[in-house]
């Protein structure tokens, strides 16, 4: 069963204007197509098991 959810790991990217615009564009484009977006911003750290588990708990399709 599809959740129509896209998961995005943002590795220290939401700190620049360009990156914020990029993430907003991803979210807006997905919403226009009927998808949800789950963005997890990680500040200078690779994803931990806890971060991955949190993302997977939303059962993203992509």
PDB file of N, CA and C in Angstrom:
ATOM      1  N   UNK A   1       0.832  -1.173   0.000  1.00  0.00           N
ATOM      2  CA  UNK A   1       0.000   0.000   0.000  1.00  0.00           C
ATOM      3  C   UNK A   1       0.889   1.253   0.000  1.00  0.00           C
ATOM      4  N   UNK A   2       0.608   2.151  -0.893  1.00  0.00           N
ATOM      5  CA  UNK A   2       1.392   3.381  -0.973  1.00  0.00           C
ATOM      6  C   UNK A   2       0.913   4.406   0.047  1.00  0.00           C
ATOM      7  N   UNK A   3       1.861   5.117   0.614  1.00  0.00           N
ATOM      8  CA  UNK A   3       1.536   6.198   1.544  1.00  0.00           C
ATOM      9  C   UNK A   3       1.566   7.557   0.850  1.00  0.00           C
ATOM     10  N   UNK A   4       2.068   7.569  -0.376  1.00  0.00           N
ATOM     11  CA  UNK A   4       2.245   8.807  -1.139  1.00  0.00           C
ATOM     12  C   UNK A   4       3.070   9.811  -0.327  1.00  0.00           C
ATOM     13  N   UNK A   5       4.135   9.284   0.275  1.00  0.00           N
ATOM     14  CA  UNK A   5       5.045  10.086   1.087  1.00  0.00           C
ATOM     15  C   UNK A   5       6.462   9.945   0.552  1.00  0.00           C
ATOM     16  N   UNK A   6       7.147  11.073   0.449  1.00  0.00           N
ATOM     17  CA  UNK A   6       8.546  11.101   0.042  1.00  0.00           C
ATOM     18  C   UNK A   6       9.362  11.524   1.257  1.00  0.00           C
ATOM     19  N   UNK A   7      10.403  10.774   1.561  1.00  0.00           N
ATOM     20  CA  UNK A   7      11.289  11.115   2.665  1.00  0.00           C
ATOM     21  C   UNK A   7      12.556  11.777   2.148  1.00  0.00           C
ATOM     22  N   UNK A   8      12.944  12.885   2.771  1.00  0.00           N
ATOM     23  CA  UNK A   8      14.141  13.622   2.359  1.00  0.00           C
ATOM     24  C   UNK A   8      15.038  13.820   3.580  1.00  0.00           C
ATOM     25  N   UNK A   9      16.272  13.313   3.494  1.00  0.00           N
ATOM     26  CA  UNK A   9      17.282  13.637   4.498  1.00  0.00           C
ATOM     27  C   UNK A   9      18.014  14.877   4.007  1.00  0.00           C
ATOM     28  N   UNK A  10      17.958  15.953   4.764  1.00  0.00           N
ATOM     29  CA  UNK A  10      18.645  17.192   4.413  1.00  0.00           C
ATOM     30  C   UNK A  10      19.858  17.307   5.332  1.00  0.00           C
ATOM     31  N   UNK A  11      21.026  17.003   4.797  1.00  0.00           N
ATOM     32  CA  UNK A  11      22.246  17.001   5.602  1.00  0.00           C
ATOM     33  C   UNK A  11      22.853  18.400   5.652  1.00  0.00           C
ATOM     34  N   UNK A  12      22.528  19.132   6.713  1.00  0.00           N
ATOM     35  CA  UNK A  12      23.055  20.481   6.932  1.00  0.00           C
ATOM     36  C   UNK A  12      22.776  21.405   5.750  1.00  0.00           C
ATOM     37  N   UNK A  13      21.635  21.190   5.083  1.00  0.00           N
ATOM     38  CA  UNK A  13      21.349  21.989   3.896  1.00  0.00           C
ATOM     39  C   UNK A  13      20.350  23.101   4.146  1.00  0.00           C
ATOM     40  N   UNK A  14      19.553  22.983   5.176  1.00  0.00           N
ATOM     41  CA  UNK A  14      18.515  23.985   5.400  1.00  0.00           C
ATOM     42  C   UNK A  14      19.068  25.249   6.052  1.00  0.00           C
ATOM     43  N   UNK A  15      20.359  25.475   5.891  1.00  0.00           N
ATOM     44  CA  UNK A  15      20.990  26.644   6.502  1.00  0.00           C
ATOM     45  C   UNK A  15      21.371  27.704   5.480  1.00  0.00           C
ATOM     46  N   UNK A  16      21.121  27.457   4.205  1.00  0.00           N
ATOM     47  CA  UNK A  16      21.430  28.441   3.168  1.00  0.00           C
ATOM     48  C   UNK A  16      20.154  28.782   2.407  1.00  0.00           C
ATOM     49  N   UNK A  17      20.045  29.996   1.896  1.00  0.00           N
ATOM     50  CA  UNK A  17      18.839  30.371   1.148  1.00  0.00           C
ATOM     51  C   UNK A  17      18.567  29.445  -0.043  1.00  0.00           C
ATOM     52  N   UNK A  18      19.608  29.049  -0.767  1.00  0.00           N
ATOM     53  CA  UNK A  18      19.412  28.164  -1.917  1.00  0.00           C
ATOM     54  C   UNK A  18      18.822  26.832  -1.482  1.00  0.00           C
ATOM     55  N   UNK A  19      19.366  26.272  -0.415  1.00  0.00           N
ATOM     56  CA  UNK A  19      18.896  24.971   0.059  1.00  0.00           C
ATOM     57  C   UNK A  19      17.456  25.051   0.547  1.00  0.00           C
ATOM     58  N   UNK A  20      17.119  26.133   1.218  1.00  0.00           N
ATOM     59  CA  UNK A  20      15.744  26.303   1.685  1.00  0.00           C
ATOM     60  C   UNK A  20      14.799  26.371   0.494  1.00  0.00           C
ATOM     61  N   UNK A  21      15.170  27.112  -0.532  1.00  0.00           N
ATOM     62  CA  UNK A  21      14.346  27.190  -1.747  1.00  0.00           C
ATOM     63  C   UNK A  21      14.207  25.823  -2.408  1.00  0.00           C
ATOM     64  N   UNK A  22      15.279  25.063  -2.431  1.00  0.00           N
ATOM     65  CA  UNK A  22      15.247  23.721  -3.011  1.00  0.00           C
ATOM     66  C   UNK A  22      14.272  22.826  -2.248  1.00  0.00           C
ATOM     67  N   UNK A  23      14.367  22.831  -0.923  1.00  0.00           N
ATOM     68  CA  UNK A  23      13.470  22.007  -0.112  1.00  0.00           C
ATOM     69  C   UNK A  23      12.019  22.455  -0.260  1.00  0.00           C
ATOM     70  N   UNK A  24      11.783  23.764  -0.311  1.00  0.00           N
ATOM     71  CA  UNK A  24      10.424  24.267  -0.518  1.00  0.00           C
ATOM     72  C   UNK A  24       9.883  23.848  -1.877  1.00  0.00           C
ATOM     73  N   UNK A  25      10.731  23.869  -2.894  1.00  0.00           N
ATOM     74  CA  UNK A  25      10.311  23.445  -4.233  1.00  0.00           C
ATOM     75  C   UNK A  25       9.950  21.967  -4.261  1.00  0.00           C
ATOM     76  N   UNK A  26      10.742  21.152  -3.576  1.00  0.00           N
ATOM     77  CA  UNK A  26      10.430  19.723  -3.489  1.00  0.00           C
ATOM     78  C   UNK A  26       9.063  19.542  -2.844  1.00  0.00           C
ATOM     79  N   UNK A  27       8.846  20.242  -1.733  1.00  0.00           N
ATOM     80  CA  UNK A  27       7.587  20.108  -1.004  1.00  0.00           C
ATOM     81  C   UNK A  27       6.399  20.592  -1.838  1.00  0.00           C
ATOM     82  N   UNK A  28       6.523  21.747  -2.470  1.00  0.00           N
ATOM     83  CA  UNK A  28       5.429  22.298  -3.267  1.00  0.00           C
ATOM     84  C   UNK A  28       5.101  21.417  -4.468  1.00  0.00           C
ATOM     85  N   UNK A  29       6.137  20.943  -5.161  1.00  0.00           N
ATOM     86  CA  UNK A  29       5.920  20.087  -6.327  1.00  0.00           C
ATOM     87  C   UNK A  29       5.250  18.783  -5.928  1.00  0.00           C
ATOM     88  N   UNK A  30       5.709  18.204  -4.838  1.00  0.00           N
ATOM     89  CA  UNK A  30       5.114  16.950  -4.363  1.00  0.00           C
ATOM     90  C   UNK A  30       3.657  17.161  -3.968  1.00  0.00           C
ATOM     91  N   UNK A  31       3.369  18.231  -3.245  1.00  0.00           N
ATOM     92  CA  UNK A  31       1.998  18.491  -2.811  1.00  0.00           C
ATOM     93  C   UNK A  31       1.068  18.715  -3.990  1.00  0.00           C
ATOM     94  N   UNK A  32       1.549  19.389  -5.025  1.00  0.00           N
ATOM     95  CA  UNK A  32       0.733  19.607  -6.218  1.00  0.00           C
ATOM     96  C   UNK A  32       0.388  18.293  -6.905  1.00  0.00           C
ATOM     97  N   UNK A  33       1.246  17.300  -6.728  1.00  0.00           N
ATOM     98  CA  UNK A  33       1.015  15.981  -7.322  1.00  0.00           C
ATOM     99  C   UNK A  33       0.301  15.037  -6.347  1.00  0.00           C
ATOM    100  N   UNK A  34      -0.101  15.560  -5.184  1.00  0.00           N
ATOM    101  CA  UNK A  34      -0.829  14.753  -4.226  1.00  0.00           C
ATOM    102  C   UNK A  34       0.033  13.911  -3.301  1.00  0.00           C
ATOM    103  N   UNK A  35       1.289  14.305  -3.159  1.00  0.00           N
ATOM    104  CA  UNK A  35       2.218  13.577  -2.294  1.00  0.00           C
ATOM    105  C   UNK A  35       2.506  14.394  -1.046  1.00  0.00           C
ATOM    106  N   UNK A  36       2.891  13.702   0.017  1.00  0.00           N
ATOM    107  CA  UNK A  36       3.365  14.323   1.251  1.00  0.00           C
ATOM    108  C   UNK A  36       4.885  14.253   1.267  1.00  0.00           C
ATOM    109  N   UNK A  37       5.505  15.179   1.976  1.00  0.00           N
ATOM    110  CA  UNK A  37       6.962  15.185   2.092  1.00  0.00           C
ATOM    111  C   UNK A  37       7.327  15.229   3.572  1.00  0.00           C
ATOM    112  N   UNK A  38       8.238  14.347   3.945  1.00  0.00           N
ATOM    113  CA  UNK A  38       8.774  14.320   5.305  1.00  0.00           C
ATOM    114  C   UNK A  38      10.242  14.685   5.184  1.00  0.00           C
ATOM    115  N   UNK A  39      10.616  15.872   5.683  1.00  0.00           N
ATOM    116  CA  UNK A  39      11.995  16.353   5.589  1.00  0.00           C
ATOM    117  C   UNK A  39      12.632  16.264   6.971  1.00  0.00           C
ATOM    118  N   UNK A  40      13.762  15.595   7.025  1.00  0.00           N
ATOM    119  CA  UNK A  40      14.507  15.461   8.276  1.00  0.00           C
ATOM    120  C   UNK A  40      15.846  16.162   8.087  1.00  0.00           C
ATOM    121  N   UNK A  41      16.002  17.319   8.733  1.00  0.00           N
ATOM    122  CA  UNK A  41      17.229  18.092   8.618  1.00  0.00           C
ATOM    123  C   UNK A  41      18.239  17.600   9.653  1.00  0.00           C
ATOM    124  N   UNK A  42      19.403  17.209   9.182  1.00  0.00           N
ATOM    125  CA  UNK A  42      20.471  16.711  10.050  1.00  0.00           C
ATOM    126  C   UNK A  42      21.631  17.688   9.985  1.00  0.00           C
ATOM    127  N   UNK A  43      21.978  18.268  11.099  1.00  0.00           N
ATOM    128  CA  UNK A  43      23.029  19.281  11.127  1.00  0.00           C
ATOM    129  C   UNK A  43      24.406  18.642  11.202  1.00  0.00           C
ATOM    130  N   UNK A  44      25.073  18.565  10.076  1.00  0.00           N
ATOM    131  CA  UNK A  44      26.469  18.110   9.966  1.00  0.00           C
ATOM    132  C   UNK A  44      26.718  16.690  10.444  1.00  0.00           C
ATOM    133  N   UNK A  45      25.714  15.884  10.554  1.00  0.00           N
ATOM    134  CA  UNK A  45      25.902  14.510  11.003  1.00  0.00           C
ATOM    135  C   UNK A  45      25.265  13.545  10.011  1.00  0.00           C
ATOM    136  N   UNK A  46      25.884  12.412   9.799  1.00  0.00           N
ATOM    137  CA  UNK A  46      25.212  11.410   8.975  1.00  0.00           C
ATOM    138  C   UNK A  46      24.002  10.876   9.740  1.00  0.00           C
ATOM    139  N   UNK A  47      23.026  10.336   9.026  1.00  0.00           N
ATOM    140  CA  UNK A  47      21.840   9.814   9.714  1.00  0.00           C
ATOM    141  C   UNK A  47      22.202   8.704  10.702  1.00  0.00           C
ATOM    142  N   UNK A  48      21.632   8.776  11.886  1.00  0.00           N
ATOM    143  CA  UNK A  48      21.816   7.717  12.879  1.00  0.00           C
ATOM    144  C   UNK A  48      20.708   6.687  12.695  1.00  0.00           C
ATOM    145  N   UNK A  49      20.839   5.562  13.374  1.00  0.00           N
ATOM    146  CA  UNK A  49      19.786   4.550  13.309  1.00  0.00           C
ATOM    147  C   UNK A  49      18.451   5.135  13.758  1.00  0.00           C
ATOM    148  N   UNK A  50      18.493   6.006  14.761  1.00  0.00           N
ATOM    149  CA  UNK A  50      17.266   6.626  15.256  1.00  0.00           C
ATOM    150  C   UNK A  50      16.636   7.511  14.177  1.00  0.00           C
ATOM    151  N   UNK A  51      17.469   8.267  13.435  1.00  0.00           N
ATOM    152  CA  UNK A  51      16.956   9.107  12.355  1.00  0.00           C
ATOM    153  C   UNK A  51      16.335   8.263  11.253  1.00  0.00           C
ATOM    154  N   UNK A  52      17.021   7.193  10.901  1.00  0.00           N
ATOM    155  CA  UNK A  52      16.518   6.305   9.848  1.00  0.00           C
ATOM    156  C   UNK A  52      15.206   5.668  10.295  1.00  0.00           C
ATOM    157  N   UNK A  53      15.145   5.217  11.542  1.00  0.00           N
ATOM    158  CA  UNK A  53      13.912   4.619  12.060  1.00  0.00           C
ATOM    159  C   UNK A  53      12.761   5.624  12.037  1.00  0.00           C
ATOM    160  N   UNK A  54      13.051   6.878  12.400  1.00  0.00           N
ATOM    161  CA  UNK A  54      12.023   7.913  12.371  1.00  0.00           C
ATOM    162  C   UNK A  54      11.502   8.107  10.951  1.00  0.00           C
ATOM    163  N   UNK A  55      12.420   8.184   9.998  1.00  0.00           N
ATOM    164  CA  UNK A  55      12.010   8.351   8.604  1.00  0.00           C
ATOM    165  C   UNK A  55      11.179   7.156   8.145  1.00  0.00           C
ATOM    166  N   UNK A  56      11.646   5.953   8.445  1.00  0.00           N
ATOM    167  CA  UNK A  56      10.945   4.749   8.002  1.00  0.00           C
ATOM    168  C   UNK A  56       9.591   4.581   8.683  1.00  0.00           C
ATOM    169  N   UNK A  57       9.424   5.152   9.867  1.00  0.00           N
ATOM    170  CA  UNK A  57       8.135   5.040  10.556  1.00  0.00           C
ATOM    171  C   UNK A  57       7.023   5.735   9.776  1.00  0.00           C
ATOM    172  N   UNK A  58       7.394   6.655   8.896  1.00  0.00           N
ATOM    173  CA  UNK A  58       6.418   7.340   8.044  1.00  0.00           C
ATOM    174  C   UNK A  58       6.162   6.571   6.747  1.00  0.00           C
ATOM    175  N   UNK A  59       6.833   5.444   6.604  1.00  0.00           N
ATOM    176  CA  UNK A  59       6.663   4.531   5.469  1.00  0.00           C
ATOM    177  C   UNK A  59       6.712   5.257   4.116  1.00  0.00           C
ATOM    178  N   UNK A  60       7.805   5.974   3.852  1.00  0.00           N
ATOM    179  CA  UNK A  60       7.895   6.700   2.582  1.00  0.00           C
ATOM    180  C   UNK A  60       7.958   5.746   1.393  1.00  0.00           C
ATOM    181  N   UNK A  61       7.392   6.195   0.286  1.00  0.00           N
ATOM    182  CA  UNK A  61       7.452   5.435  -0.962  1.00  0.00           C
ATOM    183  C   UNK A  61       8.713   5.771  -1.741  1.00  0.00           C
ATOM    184  N   UNK A  62       9.333   6.854  -1.403  1.00  0.00           N
ATOM    185  CA  UNK A  62      10.546   7.251  -2.109  1.00  0.00           C
ATOM    186  C   UNK A  62      11.321   8.276  -1.342  1.00  0.00           C
TER     187      UNK A  62
END
